[in-house]
Amino acid sequence: MKKEIHPDYHEINVVMTDGTTFKTRSTWGKAGDTMTLDIDAKSHPAWTGGQQKLIDSGGQLARFNKRFAGFTK
């Protein structure tokens, strides 16, 4: 491998939606940074069977619903 072209690979902390944490290695952020997830396998409808609601953190879901409100089959 060529030297000095690859990002730094270090350990970070990940906080799941239910508050549990774990450590993993990543190129994201800096060593020791904490990544807090808005959606993960415990809260995403694809893995939970659609029982939980998605959190509209950036207003994207509201914009989508407004844009396609009149759309019918």
PDB file of N, CA and C in Angstrom:
ATOM      1  N   MET A   1       0.836  -1.183   0.000  1.00  0.00           N
ATOM      2  CA  MET A   1       0.000   0.000   0.000  1.00  0.00           C
ATOM      3  C   MET A   1       0.879   1.244   0.000  1.00  0.00           C
ATOM      4  N   LYS A   2       0.353   2.274  -0.629  1.00  0.00           N
ATOM      5  CA  LYS A   2       1.065   3.549  -0.612  1.00  0.00           C
ATOM      6  C   LYS A   2       0.939   4.181   0.764  1.00  0.00           C
ATOM      7  N   LYS A   3       1.983   4.847   1.192  1.00  0.00           N
ATOM      8  CA  LYS A   3       1.969   5.499   2.495  1.00  0.00           C
ATOM      9  C   LYS A   3       1.330   6.876   2.397  1.00  0.00           C
ATOM     10  N   GLU A   4       0.695   7.294   3.500  1.00  0.00           N
ATOM     11  CA  GLU A   4       0.124   8.624   3.676  1.00  0.00           C
ATOM     12  C   GLU A   4      -1.031   8.967   2.731  1.00  0.00           C
ATOM     13  N   ILE A   5      -1.717   7.961   2.160  1.00  0.00           N
ATOM     14  CA  ILE A   5      -2.901   8.264   1.344  1.00  0.00           C
ATOM     15  C   ILE A   5      -4.177   7.739   1.986  1.00  0.00           C
ATOM     16  N   HIS A   6      -4.055   6.941   3.029  1.00  0.00           N
ATOM     17  CA  HIS A   6      -5.207   6.350   3.682  1.00  0.00           C
ATOM     18  C   HIS A   6      -5.599   7.153   4.917  1.00  0.00           C
ATOM     19  N   PRO A   7      -6.908   7.265   5.189  1.00  0.00           N
ATOM     20  CA  PRO A   7      -7.338   7.994   6.388  1.00  0.00           C
ATOM     21  C   PRO A   7      -6.934   7.249   7.659  1.00  0.00           C
ATOM     22  N   ASP A   8      -6.867   7.985   8.757  1.00  0.00           N
ATOM     23  CA  ASP A   8      -6.512   7.422  10.053  1.00  0.00           C
ATOM     24  C   ASP A   8      -7.620   6.475  10.520  1.00  0.00           C
ATOM     25  N   TYR A   9      -7.249   5.279  10.918  1.00  0.00           N
ATOM     26  CA  TYR A   9      -8.188   4.259  11.387  1.00  0.00           C
ATOM     27  C   TYR A   9      -8.016   4.152  12.901  1.00  0.00           C
ATOM     28  N   HIS A  10      -9.044   4.534  13.663  1.00  0.00           N
ATOM     29  CA  HIS A  10      -8.918   4.643  15.114  1.00  0.00           C
ATOM     30  C   HIS A  10     -10.193   4.151  15.800  1.00  0.00           C
ATOM     31  N   GLU A  11     -10.174   4.127  17.125  1.00  0.00           N
ATOM     32  CA  GLU A  11     -11.310   3.644  17.906  1.00  0.00           C
ATOM     33  C   GLU A  11     -12.249   4.799  18.268  1.00  0.00           C
ATOM     34  N   ILE A  12     -13.578   4.594  18.075  1.00  0.00           N
ATOM     35  CA  ILE A  12     -14.591   5.582  18.455  1.00  0.00           C
ATOM     36  C   ILE A  12     -15.654   4.897  19.304  1.00  0.00           C
ATOM     37  N   ASN A  13     -16.492   5.697  19.962  1.00  0.00           N
ATOM     38  CA  ASN A  13     -17.618   5.192  20.743  1.00  0.00           C
ATOM     39  C   ASN A  13     -18.893   5.433  19.947  1.00  0.00           C
ATOM     40  N   VAL A  14     -19.807   4.465  19.960  1.00  0.00           N
ATOM     41  CA  VAL A  14     -21.085   4.591  19.271  1.00  0.00           C
ATOM     42  C   VAL A  14     -22.198   4.454  20.306  1.00  0.00           C
ATOM     43  N   VAL A  15     -23.155   5.406  20.280  1.00  0.00           N
ATOM     44  CA  VAL A  15     -24.294   5.378  21.191  1.00  0.00           C
ATOM     45  C   VAL A  15     -25.537   5.052  20.373  1.00  0.00           C
ATOM     46  N   MET A  16     -26.189   3.932  20.700  1.00  0.00           N
ATOM     47  CA  MET A  16     -27.400   3.497  20.007  1.00  0.00           C
ATOM     48  C   MET A  16     -28.595   4.326  20.489  1.00  0.00           C
ATOM     49  N   THR A  17     -29.753   4.170  19.828  1.00  0.00           N
ATOM     50  CA  THR A  17     -30.940   4.952  20.176  1.00  0.00           C
ATOM     51  C   THR A  17     -31.467   4.621  21.565  1.00  0.00           C
ATOM     52  N   ASP A  18     -31.213   3.409  22.052  1.00  0.00           N
ATOM     53  CA  ASP A  18     -31.694   3.043  23.394  1.00  0.00           C
ATOM     54  C   ASP A  18     -30.687   3.404  24.489  1.00  0.00           C
ATOM     55  N   GLY A  19     -29.569   4.045  24.118  1.00  0.00           N
ATOM     56  CA  GLY A  19     -28.586   4.481  25.095  1.00  0.00           C
ATOM     57  C   GLY A  19     -27.417   3.537  25.299  1.00  0.00           C
ATOM     58  N   THR A  20     -27.485   2.339  24.749  1.00  0.00           N
ATOM     59  CA  THR A  20     -26.352   1.423  24.884  1.00  0.00           C
ATOM     60  C   THR A  20     -25.184   1.936  24.061  1.00  0.00           C
ATOM     61  N   THR A  21     -23.986   1.625  24.498  1.00  0.00           N
ATOM     62  CA  THR A  21     -22.789   2.080  23.800  1.00  0.00           C
ATOM     63  C   THR A  21     -21.883   0.905  23.493  1.00  0.00           C
ATOM     64  N   PHE A  22     -21.057   1.085  22.472  1.00  0.00           N
ATOM     65  CA  PHE A  22     -20.021   0.112  22.157  1.00  0.00           C
ATOM     66  C   PHE A  22     -18.879   0.832  21.464  1.00  0.00           C
ATOM     67  N   LYS A  23     -17.729   0.197  21.436  1.00  0.00           N
ATOM     68  CA  LYS A  23     -16.559   0.759  20.773  1.00  0.00           C
ATOM     69  C   LYS A  23     -16.337   0.010  19.473  1.00  0.00           C
ATOM     70  N   THR A  24     -15.899   0.758  18.456  1.00  0.00           N
ATOM     71  CA  THR A  24     -15.569   0.160  17.172  1.00  0.00           C
ATOM     72  C   THR A  24     -14.434   0.958  16.556  1.00  0.00           C
ATOM     73  N   ARG A  25     -13.868   0.438  15.504  1.00  0.00           N
ATOM     74  CA  ARG A  25     -12.812   1.157  14.794  1.00  0.00           C
ATOM     75  C   ARG A  25     -13.408   1.749  13.529  1.00  0.00           C
ATOM     76  N   SER A  26     -13.001   2.985  13.210  1.00  0.00           N
ATOM     77  CA  SER A  26     -13.583   3.708  12.088  1.00  0.00           C
ATOM     78  C   SER A  26     -12.626   4.786  11.600  1.00  0.00           C
ATOM     79  N   THR A  27     -12.910   5.322  10.421  1.00  0.00           N
ATOM     80  CA  THR A  27     -12.180   6.483   9.918  1.00  0.00           C
ATOM     81  C   THR A  27     -12.954   7.758  10.217  1.00  0.00           C
ATOM     82  N   TRP A  28     -14.157   7.637  10.811  1.00  0.00           N
ATOM     83  CA  TRP A  28     -15.005   8.782  11.139  1.00  0.00           C
ATOM     84  C   TRP A  28     -14.428   9.538  12.329  1.00  0.00           C
ATOM     85  N   GLY A  29     -14.433  10.853  12.288  1.00  0.00           N
ATOM     86  CA  GLY A  29     -14.038  11.682  13.423  1.00  0.00           C
ATOM     87  C   GLY A  29     -12.589  11.500  13.837  1.00  0.00           C
ATOM     88  N   LYS A  30     -12.354  11.729  15.129  1.00  0.00           N
ATOM     89  CA  LYS A  30     -11.015  11.582  15.703  1.00  0.00           C
ATOM     90  C   LYS A  30     -11.053  10.469  16.748  1.00  0.00           C
ATOM     91  N   ALA A  31      -9.914  10.012  17.146  1.00  0.00           N
ATOM     92  CA  ALA A  31      -9.822   8.956  18.156  1.00  0.00           C
ATOM     93  C   ALA A  31     -10.541   9.384  19.426  1.00  0.00           C
ATOM     94  N   GLY A  32     -11.435   8.519  19.933  1.00  0.00           N
ATOM     95  CA  GLY A  32     -12.172   8.803  21.161  1.00  0.00           C
ATOM     96  C   GLY A  32     -13.466   9.562  20.959  1.00  0.00           C
ATOM     97  N   ASP A  33     -13.775  10.031  19.733  1.00  0.00           N
ATOM     98  CA  ASP A  33     -15.035  10.741  19.478  1.00  0.00           C
ATOM     99  C   ASP A  33     -16.229   9.820  19.701  1.00  0.00           C
ATOM    100  N   THR A  34     -17.404  10.421  19.935  1.00  0.00           N
ATOM    101  CA  THR A  34     -18.629   9.660  20.153  1.00  0.00           C
ATOM    102  C   THR A  34     -19.618   9.939  19.030  1.00  0.00           C
ATOM    103  N   MET A  35     -20.088   8.886  18.378  1.00  0.00           N
ATOM    104  CA  MET A  35     -21.101   8.978  17.326  1.00  0.00           C
ATOM    105  C   MET A  35     -22.438   8.585  17.951  1.00  0.00           C
ATOM    106  N   THR A  36     -23.414   9.500  17.917  1.00  0.00           N
ATOM    107  CA  THR A  36     -24.742   9.228  18.446  1.00  0.00           C
ATOM    108  C   THR A  36     -25.679   8.969  17.276  1.00  0.00           C
ATOM    109  N   LEU A  37     -26.299   7.808  17.253  1.00  0.00           N
ATOM    110  CA  LEU A  37     -27.155   7.417  16.140  1.00  0.00           C
ATOM    111  C   LEU A  37     -28.586   7.899  16.342  1.00  0.00           C
ATOM    112  N   ASP A  38     -29.217   8.420  15.271  1.00  0.00           N
ATOM    113  CA  ASP A  38     -30.632   8.788  15.294  1.00  0.00           C
ATOM    114  C   ASP A  38     -31.488   7.573  14.966  1.00  0.00           C
ATOM    115  N   ILE A  39     -30.999   6.738  14.069  1.00  0.00           N
ATOM    116  CA  ILE A  39     -31.715   5.531  13.647  1.00  0.00           C
ATOM    117  C   ILE A  39     -30.706   4.392  13.613  1.00  0.00           C
ATOM    118  N   ASP A  40     -31.084   3.260  14.157  1.00  0.00           N
ATOM    119  CA  ASP A  40     -30.233   2.081  14.107  1.00  0.00           C
ATOM    120  C   ASP A  40     -31.110   0.842  13.936  1.00  0.00           C
ATOM    121  N   ALA A  41     -30.510  -0.321  14.015  1.00  0.00           N
ATOM    122  CA  ALA A  41     -31.252  -1.570  13.798  1.00  0.00           C
ATOM    123  C   ALA A  41     -32.337  -1.805  14.846  1.00  0.00           C
ATOM    124  N   LYS A  42     -32.237  -1.154  16.010  1.00  0.00           N
ATOM    125  CA  LYS A  42     -33.247  -1.324  17.054  1.00  0.00           C
ATOM    126  C   LYS A  42     -34.449  -0.411  16.854  1.00  0.00           C
ATOM    127  N   SER A  43     -34.321   0.621  15.995  1.00  0.00           N
ATOM    128  CA  SER A  43     -35.418   1.573  15.824  1.00  0.00           C
ATOM    129  C   SER A  43     -35.884   1.718  14.379  1.00  0.00           C
ATOM    130  N   HIS A  44     -35.171   1.199  13.396  1.00  0.00           N
ATOM    131  CA  HIS A  44     -35.536   1.370  11.998  1.00  0.00           C
ATOM    132  C   HIS A  44     -36.656   0.391  11.620  1.00  0.00           C
ATOM    133  N   PRO A  45     -37.698   0.875  10.949  1.00  0.00           N
ATOM    134  CA  PRO A  45     -38.836   0.017  10.605  1.00  0.00           C
ATOM    135  C   PRO A  45     -38.473  -1.189   9.741  1.00  0.00           C
ATOM    136  N   ALA A  46     -37.408  -1.113   8.979  1.00  0.00           N
ATOM    137  CA  ALA A  46     -37.012  -2.250   8.150  1.00  0.00           C
ATOM    138  C   ALA A  46     -36.646  -3.464   8.997  1.00  0.00           C
ATOM    139  N   TRP A  47     -36.144  -3.242  10.208  1.00  0.00           N
ATOM    140  CA  TRP A  47     -35.755  -4.347  11.092  1.00  0.00           C
ATOM    141  C   TRP A  47     -36.756  -4.588  12.207  1.00  0.00           C
ATOM    142  N   THR A  48     -37.625  -3.620  12.488  1.00  0.00           N
ATOM    143  CA  THR A  48     -38.564  -3.780  13.592  1.00  0.00           C
ATOM    144  C   THR A  48     -39.958  -4.155  13.124  1.00  0.00           C
ATOM    145  N   GLY A  49     -40.172  -4.227  11.822  1.00  0.00           N
ATOM    146  CA  GLY A  49     -41.493  -4.567  11.307  1.00  0.00           C
ATOM    147  C   GLY A  49     -42.425  -3.368  11.246  1.00  0.00           C
ATOM    148  N   GLY A  50     -41.892  -2.160  11.300  1.00  0.00           N
ATOM    149  CA  GLY A  50     -42.700  -0.950  11.169  1.00  0.00           C
ATOM    150  C   GLY A  50     -43.448  -0.563  12.420  1.00  0.00           C
ATOM    151  N   GLN A  51     -43.067  -1.115  13.566  1.00  0.00           N
ATOM    152  CA  GLN A  51     -43.782  -0.834  14.802  1.00  0.00           C
ATOM    153  C   GLN A  51     -43.449   0.534  15.396  1.00  0.00           C
ATOM    154  N   GLN A  52     -42.254   1.053  15.091  1.00  0.00           N
ATOM    155  CA  GLN A  52     -41.844   2.327  15.666  1.00  0.00           C
ATOM    156  C   GLN A  52     -41.888   3.421  14.614  1.00  0.00           C
ATOM    157  N   LYS A  53     -42.044   4.646  15.054  1.00  0.00           N
ATOM    158  CA  LYS A  53     -42.077   5.792  14.148  1.00  0.00           C
ATOM    159  C   LYS A  53     -40.671   6.325  13.939  1.00  0.00           C
ATOM    160  N   LEU A  54     -40.432   6.848  12.722  1.00  0.00           N
ATOM    161  CA  LEU A  54     -39.161   7.487  12.430  1.00  0.00           C
ATOM    162  C   LEU A  54     -39.133   8.875  13.058  1.00  0.00           C
ATOM    163  N   ILE A  55     -37.982   9.278  13.530  1.00  0.00           N
ATOM    164  CA  ILE A  55     -37.817  10.609  14.105  1.00  0.00           C
ATOM    165  C   ILE A  55     -37.480  11.569  12.971  1.00  0.00           C
ATOM    166  N   ASP A  56     -38.243  12.652  12.857  1.00  0.00           N
ATOM    167  CA  ASP A  56     -38.030  13.625  11.797  1.00  0.00           C
ATOM    168  C   ASP A  56     -37.093  14.708  12.306  1.00  0.00           C
ATOM    169  N   SER A  57     -35.787  14.385  12.338  1.00  0.00           N
ATOM    170  CA  SER A  57     -34.824  15.294  12.954  1.00  0.00           C
ATOM    171  C   SER A  57     -34.509  16.510  12.091  1.00  0.00           C
ATOM    172  N   GLY A  58     -34.591  16.391  10.776  1.00  0.00           N
ATOM    173  CA  GLY A  58     -34.230  17.514   9.918  1.00  0.00           C
ATOM    174  C   GLY A  58     -35.386  18.074   9.125  1.00  0.00           C
ATOM    175  N   GLY A  59     -36.608  17.621   9.390  1.00  0.00           N
ATOM    176  CA  GLY A  59     -37.766  18.093   8.646  1.00  0.00           C
ATOM    177  C   GLY A  59     -37.924  17.429   7.287  1.00  0.00           C
ATOM    178  N   GLN A  60     -37.092  16.461   6.970  1.00  0.00           N
ATOM    179  CA  GLN A  60     -37.156  15.806   5.666  1.00  0.00           C
ATOM    180  C   GLN A  60     -38.438  15.007   5.500  1.00  0.00           C
ATOM    181  N   LEU A  61     -38.869  14.337   6.541  1.00  0.00           N
ATOM    182  CA  LEU A  61     -40.087  13.547   6.470  1.00  0.00           C
ATOM    183  C   LEU A  61     -41.299  14.446   6.256  1.00  0.00           C
ATOM    184  N   ALA A  62     -41.331  15.588   6.925  1.00  0.00           N
ATOM    185  CA  ALA A  62     -42.430  16.539   6.759  1.00  0.00           C
ATOM    186  C   ALA A  62     -42.450  17.098   5.335  1.00  0.00           C
ATOM    187  N   ARG A  63     -41.275  17.423   4.780  1.00  0.00           N
ATOM    188  CA  ARG A  63     -41.209  17.931   3.400  1.00  0.00           C
ATOM    189  C   ARG A  63     -41.659  16.863   2.411  1.00  0.00           C
ATOM    190  N   PHE A  64     -41.270  15.614   2.634  1.00  0.00           N
ATOM    191  CA  PHE A  64     -41.686  14.523   1.759  1.00  0.00           C
ATOM    192  C   PHE A  64     -43.207  14.356   1.784  1.00  0.00           C
ATOM    193  N   ASN A  65     -43.787  14.332   2.991  1.00  0.00           N
ATOM    194  CA  ASN A  65     -45.235  14.175   3.121  1.00  0.00           C
ATOM    195  C   ASN A  65     -45.978  15.338   2.462  1.00  0.00           C
ATOM    196  N   LYS A  66     -45.469  16.552   2.582  1.00  0.00           N
ATOM    197  CA  LYS A  66     -46.101  17.718   1.973  1.00  0.00           C
ATOM    198  C   LYS A  66     -46.018  17.637   0.446  1.00  0.00           C
ATOM    199  N   ARG A  67     -44.873  17.221  -0.048  1.00  0.00           N
ATOM    200  CA  ARG A  67     -44.650  17.147  -1.504  1.00  0.00           C
ATOM    201  C   ARG A  67     -45.537  16.093  -2.149  1.00  0.00           C
ATOM    202  N   PHE A  68     -45.721  14.969  -1.504  1.00  0.00           N
ATOM    203  CA  PHE A  68     -46.458  13.855  -2.109  1.00  0.00           C
ATOM    204  C   PHE A  68     -47.821  13.621  -1.450  1.00  0.00           C
ATOM    205  N   ALA A  69     -48.373  14.622  -0.803  1.00  0.00           N
ATOM    206  CA  ALA A  69     -49.656  14.476  -0.094  1.00  0.00           C
ATOM    207  C   ALA A  69     -50.801  14.117  -1.043  1.00  0.00           C
ATOM    208  N   GLY A  70     -50.808  14.669  -2.246  1.00  0.00           N
ATOM    209  CA  GLY A  70     -51.896  14.416  -3.181  1.00  0.00           C
ATOM    210  C   GLY A  70     -51.670  13.232  -4.099  1.00  0.00           C
ATOM    211  N   PHE A  71     -50.583  12.551  -3.939  1.00  0.00           N
ATOM    212  CA  PHE A  71     -50.239  11.425  -4.812  1.00  0.00           C
ATOM    213  C   PHE A  71     -51.061  10.180  -4.445  1.00  0.00           C
ATOM    214  N   THR A  72     -51.801   9.651  -5.385  1.00  0.00           N
ATOM    215  CA  THR A  72     -52.586   8.421  -5.172  1.00  0.00           C
ATOM    216  C   THR A  72     -52.377   7.482  -6.345  1.00  0.00           C
ATOM    217  N   LYS A  73     -52.728   6.229  -6.155  1.00  0.00           N
ATOM    218  CA  LYS A  73     -52.587   5.226  -7.209  1.00  0.00           C
ATOM    219  C   LYS A  73     -53.623   5.393  -8.280  1.00  0.00           C
TER     220      LYS A  73
END
